[in-house]
Amino acid sequence: MNTAESELTWFKSSYSDTEGGQCVEVASATTAVHVRDSKAIAGAMLTVSHSAWAGFVGLASSGRCI
């Protein structure tokens, strides 16, 4: 993890429980949104643009399937 990544503030959804279930964490930076597995924080990280993240969240919250 580089310095910029280590300075990110990560958060879990308010729907996540404290029992260590299947969770992802999200960190929003100036130029992108980062997503990682909460159980493997040193592992792979997905990075997407803010507009791509907004599209994903909008679709997920609508309940529609694609």
Foldseek 3Di string as FASTA:
>chain_A
DDPVVVPFDWDWDPPDDPPQDFTKIWTDDPFWIKIDTPVCVVDDIDTDGPVVVVVVVVVVVVPDDD
